[in-house]
N, C-alpha and C. Protein backbone atom coordinates (compact mmCIF):
# COMPACT_ATOMS: atom_id res chain seq x y z
N MET A 1 107.90 95.83 93.79
CA MET A 1 106.92 96.16 92.74
C MET A 1 105.36 96.10 93.09
N ILE A 2 104.53 97.14 92.71
CA ILE A 2 103.15 96.85 92.89
C ILE A 2 102.33 96.69 91.84
N SER A 3 101.82 95.42 91.60
CA SER A 3 100.88 95.07 90.37
C SER A 3 99.60 95.42 90.69
N VAL A 4 98.48 95.93 90.10
CA VAL A 4 97.06 95.51 90.07
C VAL A 4 96.36 95.16 89.25
N TYR A 5 95.36 94.36 89.48
CA TYR A 5 94.55 93.69 88.46
C TYR A 5 93.10 93.73 88.80
N SER A 6 92.35 93.78 87.72
CA SER A 6 90.83 93.45 87.92
C SER A 6 90.64 92.33 88.75
N LEU A 7 89.63 92.39 89.73
CA LEU A 7 89.18 91.30 90.25
C LEU A 7 88.51 89.97 89.55
N LYS A 8 89.08 89.00 89.85
CA LYS A 8 88.42 87.62 88.98
C LYS A 8 88.50 86.53 90.13
N ASP A 9 87.85 85.52 89.84
CA ASP A 9 87.28 84.41 90.57
C ASP A 9 88.54 84.04 91.41
N THR A 10 89.83 83.76 90.55
CA THR A 10 90.79 83.35 91.30
C THR A 10 91.73 84.08 92.68
N TYR A 11 91.10 85.51 92.69
CA TYR A 11 91.42 86.36 93.68
C TYR A 11 90.40 86.51 94.81
N LYS A 12 89.44 85.82 94.93
CA LYS A 12 88.35 85.52 95.93
C LYS A 12 88.82 85.63 97.12
N GLU A 13 89.99 84.26 97.45
CA GLU A 13 90.53 84.51 98.87
C GLU A 13 91.22 85.49 99.23
N ALA A 14 92.11 86.07 98.65
CA ALA A 14 93.02 87.24 98.95
C ALA A 14 91.92 88.15 99.19
N TRP A 15 90.93 88.57 98.25
CA TRP A 15 90.43 89.69 98.71
C TRP A 15 89.25 89.79 99.56
N SER A 16 88.79 88.20 99.93
CA SER A 16 88.34 88.38 101.04
C SER A 16 88.80 88.65 102.52
N ARG A 17 89.99 87.96 102.56
CA ARG A 17 90.90 88.47 103.76
C ARG A 17 90.84 90.12 103.77
N LEU A 18 91.32 90.81 102.67
CA LEU A 18 91.47 92.10 102.49
C LEU A 18 90.21 92.88 102.98
N TRP A 19 89.05 92.34 102.42
CA TRP A 19 87.66 93.31 102.56
C TRP A 19 87.27 92.82 103.93
N LYS A 20 87.46 91.96 104.61
CA LYS A 20 87.19 91.41 106.05
C LYS A 20 88.01 92.51 106.83
N ASN A 21 88.96 92.46 106.73
CA ASN A 21 89.95 93.59 107.43
C ASN A 21 89.38 95.12 107.23
N TYR A 22 89.19 95.43 106.26
CA TYR A 22 88.53 97.03 105.72
C TYR A 22 87.28 97.10 106.58
N LEU A 23 86.19 95.81 106.57
CA LEU A 23 85.11 96.26 107.28
C LEU A 23 85.39 96.17 108.91
N ALA A 24 86.49 95.41 109.21
CA ALA A 24 86.80 94.98 110.90
C ALA A 24 87.20 96.80 111.47
N PHE A 25 87.88 97.30 110.33
CA PHE A 25 88.67 98.77 110.69
C PHE A 25 87.21 99.34 110.91
N TYR A 26 86.18 99.41 110.29
CA TYR A 26 85.13 100.30 110.49
C TYR A 26 84.01 99.46 111.31
N LYS A 27 84.66 98.63 112.01
CA LYS A 27 83.57 97.68 113.11
C LYS A 27 82.50 97.47 112.75
N VAL A 28 82.33 96.90 111.15
CA VAL A 28 81.29 96.16 110.61
C VAL A 28 81.43 94.65 110.51
N GLN A 29 80.35 94.23 110.34
CA GLN A 29 80.20 92.66 109.86
C GLN A 29 79.40 92.36 108.91
N LYS A 30 79.50 91.64 107.97
CA LYS A 30 78.57 91.46 106.88
C LYS A 30 78.31 89.45 106.62
N SER A 31 77.13 89.17 106.34
CA SER A 31 77.08 87.70 106.50
C SER A 31 77.98 86.93 105.11
N ASP A 32 77.81 85.89 105.20
CA ASP A 32 78.37 85.20 103.74
C ASP A 32 77.93 85.79 102.77
N GLU A 33 76.55 85.79 102.56
CA GLU A 33 75.71 86.13 101.66
C GLU A 33 76.22 87.37 101.21
N ILE A 34 76.52 88.26 101.67
CA ILE A 34 76.84 89.67 100.95
C ILE A 34 78.10 89.58 100.79
N TYR A 35 79.05 88.81 101.65
CA TYR A 35 80.53 88.63 100.74
C TYR A 35 80.44 87.91 99.38
N ASP A 36 79.61 87.05 99.30
CA ASP A 36 79.44 86.37 98.02
C ASP A 36 78.90 87.26 96.83
N LEU A 37 77.97 88.02 97.33
CA LEU A 37 77.20 88.59 96.63
C LEU A 37 78.09 90.27 96.02
N THR A 38 78.67 90.47 96.87
CA THR A 38 79.43 91.59 96.47
C THR A 38 80.66 91.19 95.60
N PHE A 39 81.32 89.95 96.02
CA PHE A 39 82.48 89.61 95.31
C PHE A 39 81.99 89.44 93.69
N LEU A 40 80.64 88.77 93.68
CA LEU A 40 79.79 88.16 92.31
C LEU A 40 79.86 89.93 91.56
N ARG A 41 79.13 90.56 92.18
CA ARG A 41 79.17 92.03 91.51
C ARG A 41 80.30 92.67 91.15
N LEU A 42 81.58 92.44 91.79
CA LEU A 42 82.59 93.03 91.44
C LEU A 42 83.23 92.59 90.05
N ILE A 43 82.90 91.10 89.93
CA ILE A 43 83.49 90.56 88.96
C ILE A 43 82.63 90.08 87.68
N GLU A 44 81.54 90.68 87.80
CA GLU A 44 80.59 90.60 86.67
C GLU A 44 80.91 91.44 85.47
N GLU A 45 80.98 90.83 84.45
CA GLU A 45 80.90 92.11 83.20
C GLU A 45 79.47 92.80 83.23
N ASN A 46 79.89 93.93 82.50
CA ASN A 46 78.87 94.81 82.15
C ASN A 46 78.16 95.35 83.34
N ASN A 47 78.65 95.16 84.67
CA ASN A 47 78.16 95.32 85.73
C ASN A 47 78.54 97.42 85.81
N GLU A 48 77.90 97.96 86.95
CA GLU A 48 78.27 99.06 87.31
C GLU A 48 79.17 99.12 88.48
N CYS A 49 79.61 98.19 88.88
CA CYS A 49 80.56 98.07 89.97
C CYS A 49 81.85 97.69 89.15
N GLU A 50 83.02 97.58 89.85
CA GLU A 50 84.20 97.30 89.51
C GLU A 50 85.14 97.37 90.54
N GLY A 51 85.92 96.12 90.86
CA GLY A 51 86.93 95.90 91.75
C GLY A 51 88.59 95.54 91.33
N TYR A 52 89.18 96.15 92.23
CA TYR A 52 90.72 95.57 91.87
C TYR A 52 91.47 95.30 92.94
N ILE A 53 92.45 94.55 92.76
CA ILE A 53 93.35 94.26 93.99
C ILE A 53 94.99 94.35 93.45
N ALA A 54 95.51 94.83 94.57
CA ALA A 54 96.86 95.18 94.41
C ALA A 54 97.87 94.09 95.08
N PHE A 55 98.97 93.68 94.61
CA PHE A 55 99.95 92.54 95.02
C PHE A 55 101.16 93.31 95.11
N VAL A 56 102.21 92.89 96.23
CA VAL A 56 103.44 93.27 96.16
C VAL A 56 104.13 92.19 96.46
N GLY A 57 104.87 91.71 95.37
CA GLY A 57 105.55 90.59 95.29
C GLY A 57 104.45 89.45 94.84
N GLY A 58 104.28 88.61 95.76
CA GLY A 58 103.24 87.71 95.73
C GLY A 58 102.21 87.57 96.71
N SER A 59 101.93 88.89 97.07
CA SER A 59 101.27 89.05 98.75
C SER A 59 100.09 90.13 98.10
N ALA A 60 99.27 89.77 98.39
CA ALA A 60 97.77 90.84 98.39
C ALA A 60 98.15 91.82 99.09
N ALA A 61 98.02 93.06 98.57
CA ALA A 61 98.33 94.12 99.47
C ALA A 61 97.25 95.12 99.96
N GLY A 62 96.35 95.31 98.79
CA GLY A 62 95.02 96.34 98.82
C GLY A 62 94.26 95.78 97.95
N ILE A 63 92.70 96.50 98.24
CA ILE A 63 91.61 96.14 97.40
C ILE A 63 91.10 97.85 96.92
N VAL A 64 90.39 97.93 96.02
CA VAL A 64 89.54 99.20 95.83
C VAL A 64 88.29 98.79 95.03
N HIS A 65 87.07 99.30 95.15
CA HIS A 65 85.77 98.91 94.62
C HIS A 65 85.32 100.33 94.26
N CYS A 66 84.65 100.48 92.93
CA CYS A 66 83.80 101.67 92.57
C CYS A 66 82.55 101.15 92.05
N ILE A 67 81.84 102.13 91.91
CA ILE A 67 80.34 102.08 91.22
C ILE A 67 80.29 103.23 90.44
N TYR A 68 79.91 103.12 89.18
CA TYR A 68 79.68 104.11 88.11
C TYR A 68 78.03 104.40 88.35
N HIS A 69 77.79 105.63 88.32
CA HIS A 69 76.28 105.85 88.45
C HIS A 69 75.68 107.11 87.68
N LEU A 70 74.49 107.47 87.38
CA LEU A 70 74.26 108.69 86.64
C LEU A 70 74.36 110.00 87.81
N HIS A 71 74.28 110.82 87.03
CA HIS A 71 74.36 112.08 87.84
C HIS A 71 73.54 113.16 87.07
N LEU A 72 72.56 113.90 88.03
CA LEU A 72 71.80 114.36 87.25
C LEU A 72 71.98 115.90 86.91
N TRP A 73 73.07 116.39 87.32
CA TRP A 73 73.85 117.52 86.83
C TRP A 73 74.71 117.59 85.62
N GLN A 74 74.89 116.48 84.88
CA GLN A 74 75.61 116.05 83.77
C GLN A 74 75.32 115.11 83.09
N LYS A 75 75.49 114.99 81.80
CA LYS A 75 74.97 113.89 80.98
C LYS A 75 76.06 112.52 81.33
N GLU A 76 77.10 112.63 81.37
CA GLU A 76 77.97 111.61 81.63
C GLU A 76 77.82 110.75 83.22
N LYS A 77 78.23 109.79 83.20
CA LYS A 77 77.94 109.13 84.41
C LYS A 77 79.24 109.70 85.70
N ILE A 78 79.10 109.36 86.81
CA ILE A 78 80.46 109.65 87.87
C ILE A 78 80.69 108.61 88.47
N CYS A 79 81.69 108.33 88.77
CA CYS A 79 82.50 107.18 89.65
C CYS A 79 82.60 107.45 90.93
N TYR A 80 82.03 106.46 91.91
CA TYR A 80 81.87 106.53 93.41
C TYR A 80 83.07 105.60 93.90
N LEU A 81 84.10 105.94 94.32
CA LEU A 81 85.04 105.00 94.83
C LEU A 81 84.71 104.70 96.29
N GLN A 82 84.00 103.62 96.36
CA GLN A 82 83.47 102.92 97.56
C GLN A 82 84.13 102.48 98.76
N ASP A 83 85.12 101.74 98.45
CA ASP A 83 86.02 100.92 99.48
C ASP A 83 87.48 100.74 98.81
N LEU A 84 88.35 101.37 99.62
CA LEU A 84 89.81 101.26 99.65
C LEU A 84 90.39 100.87 100.86
N PHE A 85 91.08 99.99 100.64
CA PHE A 85 91.86 99.22 101.61
C PHE A 85 93.46 98.70 101.60
N VAL A 86 93.95 98.99 102.38
CA VAL A 86 95.60 98.61 102.28
C VAL A 86 95.84 97.82 103.55
N ASP A 87 96.57 96.55 103.31
CA ASP A 87 96.70 95.80 104.56
C ASP A 87 97.79 96.79 104.90
N GLU A 88 98.09 96.45 106.59
CA GLU A 88 98.57 97.54 107.38
C GLU A 88 100.20 97.26 107.00
N ASN A 89 100.84 96.19 106.69
CA ASN A 89 102.34 95.86 106.31
C ASN A 89 102.68 96.58 104.93
N TYR A 90 101.57 96.96 104.25
CA TYR A 90 102.15 97.69 103.00
C TYR A 90 101.55 99.32 102.69
N ARG A 91 100.91 99.64 104.33
CA ARG A 91 100.84 101.10 104.24
C ARG A 91 101.95 101.98 103.94
N LYS A 92 101.71 103.13 103.17
CA LYS A 92 102.87 104.24 103.04
C LYS A 92 104.01 103.80 102.20
N HIS A 93 103.55 102.90 101.31
CA HIS A 93 104.46 102.25 99.85
C HIS A 93 103.89 102.51 98.87
N GLY A 94 102.99 103.10 98.56
CA GLY A 94 102.44 103.49 97.27
C GLY A 94 101.05 102.86 97.04
N VAL A 95 100.65 101.59 97.66
CA VAL A 95 99.74 100.78 97.40
C VAL A 95 98.34 101.51 97.17
N ALA A 96 98.13 102.45 98.21
CA ALA A 96 96.92 103.24 98.02
C ALA A 96 96.98 103.88 96.95
N THR A 97 97.65 104.65 96.60
CA THR A 97 97.88 105.76 95.53
C THR A 97 98.00 104.89 94.14
N LYS A 98 98.43 103.66 93.89
CA LYS A 98 98.54 103.11 92.84
C LYS A 98 96.71 102.52 92.77
N LEU A 99 96.35 102.05 93.74
CA LEU A 99 94.93 101.66 93.47
C LEU A 99 93.79 102.63 93.01
N ILE A 100 94.32 104.01 93.62
CA ILE A 100 93.23 105.27 93.16
C ILE A 100 93.61 105.58 91.60
N SER A 101 95.01 105.37 91.44
CA SER A 101 95.13 105.85 89.78
C SER A 101 94.54 104.83 89.17
N GLN A 102 94.36 103.17 89.40
CA GLN A 102 93.77 102.59 88.67
C GLN A 102 92.30 102.84 88.40
N ILE A 103 91.52 103.60 89.71
CA ILE A 103 90.25 103.98 89.38
C ILE A 103 90.10 105.08 88.58
N TYR A 104 91.20 106.02 88.54
CA TYR A 104 91.09 107.45 87.85
C TYR A 104 91.02 106.95 86.25
N ALA A 105 92.08 105.83 86.04
CA ALA A 105 92.24 105.35 84.37
C ALA A 105 90.94 104.66 84.17
N ALA A 106 90.43 104.00 84.95
CA ALA A 106 89.28 103.13 84.59
C ALA A 106 87.90 104.04 84.40
N ALA A 107 88.26 105.42 85.35
CA ALA A 107 86.80 106.05 84.64
C ALA A 107 87.08 107.18 83.69
N ASP A 108 88.38 107.26 83.59
CA ASP A 108 88.62 107.86 82.16
C ASP A 108 88.34 106.99 80.92
N ASP A 109 88.67 105.98 81.26
CA ASP A 109 88.31 105.13 79.97
C ASP A 109 86.91 104.90 79.60
N LYS A 110 86.11 104.75 80.52
CA LYS A 110 84.41 104.74 80.66
C LYS A 110 83.93 106.31 80.39
N LYS A 111 84.63 107.19 80.25
CA LYS A 111 84.16 108.61 80.14
C LYS A 111 83.38 108.84 81.43
N ALA A 112 83.79 108.74 82.44
CA ALA A 112 82.98 109.18 83.86
C ALA A 112 83.67 110.63 83.73
N LYS A 113 82.45 111.52 84.37
CA LYS A 113 82.92 113.02 84.52
C LYS A 113 83.68 113.15 85.88
N GLY A 114 83.94 112.41 86.58
CA GLY A 114 84.64 112.34 87.94
C GLY A 114 84.97 111.40 88.72
N VAL A 115 85.32 111.51 89.70
CA VAL A 115 85.72 110.38 90.95
C VAL A 115 85.50 110.86 92.10
N TYR A 116 84.39 110.50 93.31
CA TYR A 116 84.54 111.14 94.37
C TYR A 116 84.63 109.92 95.33
N TRP A 117 84.72 110.38 96.68
CA TRP A 117 84.64 109.24 97.59
C TRP A 117 84.53 109.91 99.03
N LEU A 118 84.22 109.15 100.23
CA LEU A 118 84.02 109.57 101.38
C LEU A 118 84.77 108.96 102.08
N THR A 119 85.25 109.61 103.43
CA THR A 119 85.97 108.82 104.49
C THR A 119 85.82 109.48 105.70
N GLN A 120 86.07 108.58 107.09
CA GLN A 120 85.76 109.12 108.07
C GLN A 120 86.53 110.09 108.91
N ASP A 121 86.07 111.02 109.50
CA ASP A 121 86.90 112.30 110.03
C ASP A 121 88.09 111.48 110.66
N PHE A 122 88.07 110.63 111.14
CA PHE A 122 89.14 109.93 112.25
C PHE A 122 90.35 109.31 111.29
N ASN A 123 89.81 109.07 110.14
CA ASN A 123 90.97 108.63 109.52
C ASN A 123 91.77 109.10 108.86
N GLU A 124 92.78 109.61 109.89
CA GLU A 124 93.95 110.59 109.60
C GLU A 124 95.04 110.01 108.56
N THR A 125 95.00 108.55 108.36
CA THR A 125 96.20 107.92 107.46
C THR A 125 95.82 108.34 106.13
N ALA A 126 94.37 108.01 105.91
CA ALA A 126 93.99 107.82 104.70
C ALA A 126 93.65 109.46 104.06
N ARG A 127 93.40 110.32 105.20
CA ARG A 127 92.90 111.70 104.72
C ARG A 127 94.41 112.41 104.38
N SER A 128 95.32 112.09 104.88
CA SER A 128 96.63 112.83 104.57
C SER A 128 97.18 112.37 102.89
N LEU A 129 96.59 111.16 102.65
CA LEU A 129 96.74 110.83 101.17
C LEU A 129 95.85 111.69 100.48
N TYR A 130 94.52 111.70 100.82
CA TYR A 130 93.33 112.14 100.06
C TYR A 130 93.84 113.85 99.58
N ASP A 131 94.20 114.17 100.71
CA ASP A 131 94.76 115.62 100.73
C ASP A 131 95.48 116.09 99.61
N GLU A 132 96.30 115.11 99.16
CA GLU A 132 97.44 115.34 98.34
C GLU A 132 96.92 114.89 96.92
N ILE A 133 95.74 114.16 96.78
CA ILE A 133 95.29 113.80 95.43
C ILE A 133 93.64 114.14 94.95
N GLY A 134 93.33 114.45 96.11
CA GLY A 134 91.70 115.06 95.70
C GLY A 134 91.83 116.68 96.48
N VAL A 135 90.41 117.12 96.27
CA VAL A 135 90.03 118.08 96.75
C VAL A 135 89.03 117.88 97.80
N LYS A 136 89.13 118.27 98.86
CA LYS A 136 88.05 118.30 100.04
C LYS A 136 86.99 119.07 99.69
N THR A 137 85.84 118.53 100.05
CA THR A 137 84.39 119.29 99.55
C THR A 137 83.86 119.78 100.88
N PRO A 138 83.23 120.90 100.76
CA PRO A 138 82.39 121.37 101.98
C PRO A 138 81.29 120.38 102.45
N PHE A 139 80.82 119.38 101.65
CA PHE A 139 79.76 118.74 102.09
C PHE A 139 79.78 117.87 103.46
N ILE A 140 78.68 117.73 103.84
CA ILE A 140 78.40 116.68 105.06
C ILE A 140 77.74 115.87 104.72
N LYS A 141 77.81 114.67 104.87
CA LYS A 141 77.06 113.48 104.53
C LYS A 141 75.93 113.36 105.76
N TYR A 142 74.66 113.06 105.19
CA TYR A 142 73.60 112.77 106.20
C TYR A 142 73.22 111.24 105.76
N THR A 143 72.52 110.83 106.44
CA THR A 143 72.02 109.17 106.25
C THR A 143 70.32 109.09 106.95
N ARG A 144 69.63 108.40 106.44
CA ARG A 144 68.36 108.10 107.19
C ARG A 144 68.36 107.32 108.44
N THR A 145 67.76 108.05 109.59
CA THR A 145 67.98 107.18 110.83
C THR A 145 66.90 106.04 110.94
């Protein structure tokens, strides 16, 4: 059975392990200061960020983070699903779907107008799920060089 909980202090160690593995997948490293700041942002009340952790049995299996922000084409806020990671031992067992469903429910509760996310084109495992539960848009992302 998959259980999903809002992040809180007692989950920091499990969250940290999962987030480090997520960042390693994308070949990114962050300082301890960023780990602490990110976790604090995710557990603070009345913040524009939220985080959830999934457990299968007693094992931490996955995490998801989102950010609510203004959208200039509508009056309601929109939800950006920034990070989603499932431990490789729990992939293809419904953990990612359960975590995304949690974000959908939270966004609905906050009256957000929608939920969106990005992924890298080579992430075929994630994209196969996203193709089932979302709509691929024609947008291409650019960043400042």
